[in-house]
Amino acid sequence: MHHLNFGQALELLKAGKQVCRRGWNGRGIFIELQRPDENSKMTSEYIFIDTTGLDSDNIDAPRSRVPWLASQTDILASDWGHYPITF
């Protein structure tokens, strides 16, 4: 399933799922909701992007996990889906 809007993707995040966009550059990129626990320094939920599994020929492309903020393009896109999306 990869024809979801951002609102539907957000509901999947809240349900504990990983989601991604078909339109993102490269495979192996997803976002996930982090809920802090007793060991976390964060006190509020936040969304992070995980590019540690990025499949790219670009050796300089970041492969990490960092907090993520949706762009206008992401918010208006309708190519969201469960991770991993079959291309």
Protein backbone atom coordinates (compact mmCIF):
# COMPACT_ATOMS: atom_id res chain seq x y z
CA MET A 1 0.00 0.00 0.00
CA HIS A 2 1.71 3.21 -1.16
CA HIS A 3 -1.04 5.63 -2.07
CA LEU A 4 -1.61 7.18 1.33
CA ASN A 5 -1.75 10.85 2.19
CA PHE A 6 0.21 12.41 5.04
CA GLY A 7 -2.68 12.17 7.48
CA GLN A 8 -2.97 8.44 6.86
CA ALA A 9 0.80 8.04 7.21
CA LEU A 10 0.65 9.93 10.51
CA GLU A 11 -2.00 7.53 11.81
CA LEU A 12 0.29 4.60 10.91
CA LEU A 13 3.14 6.27 12.81
CA LYS A 14 0.91 6.65 15.85
CA ALA A 15 0.09 2.94 15.56
CA GLY A 16 3.79 2.10 15.79
CA LYS A 17 4.47 1.50 12.08
CA GLN A 18 7.36 2.72 9.95
CA VAL A 19 6.38 4.71 6.86
CA CYS A 20 8.14 6.17 3.85
CA ARG A 21 7.49 7.96 0.59
CA ARG A 22 7.87 6.35 -2.78
CA GLY A 23 9.18 9.69 -4.04
CA TRP A 24 12.17 9.83 -1.69
CA ASN A 25 15.60 9.47 -3.25
CA GLY A 26 16.89 5.98 -2.62
CA ARG A 27 15.56 2.91 -0.91
CA GLY A 28 16.04 2.14 2.74
CA ILE A 29 14.71 5.45 4.14
CA PHE A 30 11.80 5.56 6.57
CA ILE A 31 10.35 7.63 9.40
CA GLU A 32 9.15 6.40 12.76
CA LEU A 33 7.57 7.87 15.88
CA GLN A 34 9.73 7.72 19.01
CA ARG A 35 7.95 7.56 22.34
CA PRO A 36 10.31 8.40 25.20
CA ASP A 37 10.71 5.90 28.01
CA GLU A 38 12.28 6.13 31.46
CA ASN A 39 15.78 5.94 29.91
CA SER A 40 15.23 8.70 27.36
CA LYS A 41 16.51 12.24 27.67
CA MET A 42 13.58 13.38 25.53
CA THR A 43 10.29 14.04 27.30
CA SER A 44 7.95 14.34 24.29
CA GLU A 45 7.23 12.14 21.31
CA TYR A 46 9.05 12.98 18.09
CA ILE A 47 9.43 11.65 14.56
CA PHE A 48 12.85 10.60 13.33
CA ILE A 49 14.14 9.62 9.91
CA ASP A 50 16.31 6.53 9.55
CA THR A 51 18.68 6.40 6.60
CA THR A 52 20.99 3.71 8.04
CA GLY A 53 19.78 1.25 5.41
CA LEU A 54 20.00 3.69 2.51
CA ASP A 55 20.70 1.97 -0.82
CA SER A 56 22.60 4.59 -2.80
CA ASP A 57 25.71 4.83 -4.95
CA ASN A 58 26.49 8.13 -3.24
CA ILE A 59 29.10 7.24 -0.62
CA ASP A 60 28.65 10.68 0.98
CA ALA A 61 24.90 10.26 1.55
CA PRO A 62 24.16 10.33 5.29
CA ARG A 63 23.35 7.02 6.92
CA SER A 64 22.01 7.96 10.31
CA ARG A 65 18.96 8.57 12.52
CA VAL A 66 17.98 12.17 13.21
CA PRO A 67 14.81 14.08 14.18
CA TRP A 68 12.64 14.75 11.13
CA LEU A 69 10.38 17.62 10.16
CA ALA A 70 7.91 17.28 7.27
CA SER A 71 8.31 19.62 4.31
CA GLN A 72 5.34 21.08 2.46
CA THR A 73 6.03 18.56 -0.30
CA ASP A 74 5.89 15.70 2.21
CA ILE A 75 2.65 16.99 3.75
CA LEU A 76 0.92 17.33 0.37
CA ALA A 77 2.22 14.05 -1.12
CA SER A 78 0.01 11.02 -1.72
CA ASP A 79 2.80 8.47 -2.19
CA TRP A 80 3.16 7.48 1.47
CA GLY A 81 3.09 3.85 2.49
CA HIS A 82 4.20 1.16 4.91
CA TYR A 83 7.95 0.65 5.01
CA PRO A 84 9.38 -1.01 3.02
CA ILE A 85 7.60 0.05 -0.15
CA THR A 86 8.05 -2.28 -3.11
CA PHE A 87 9.28 -0.16 -5.99
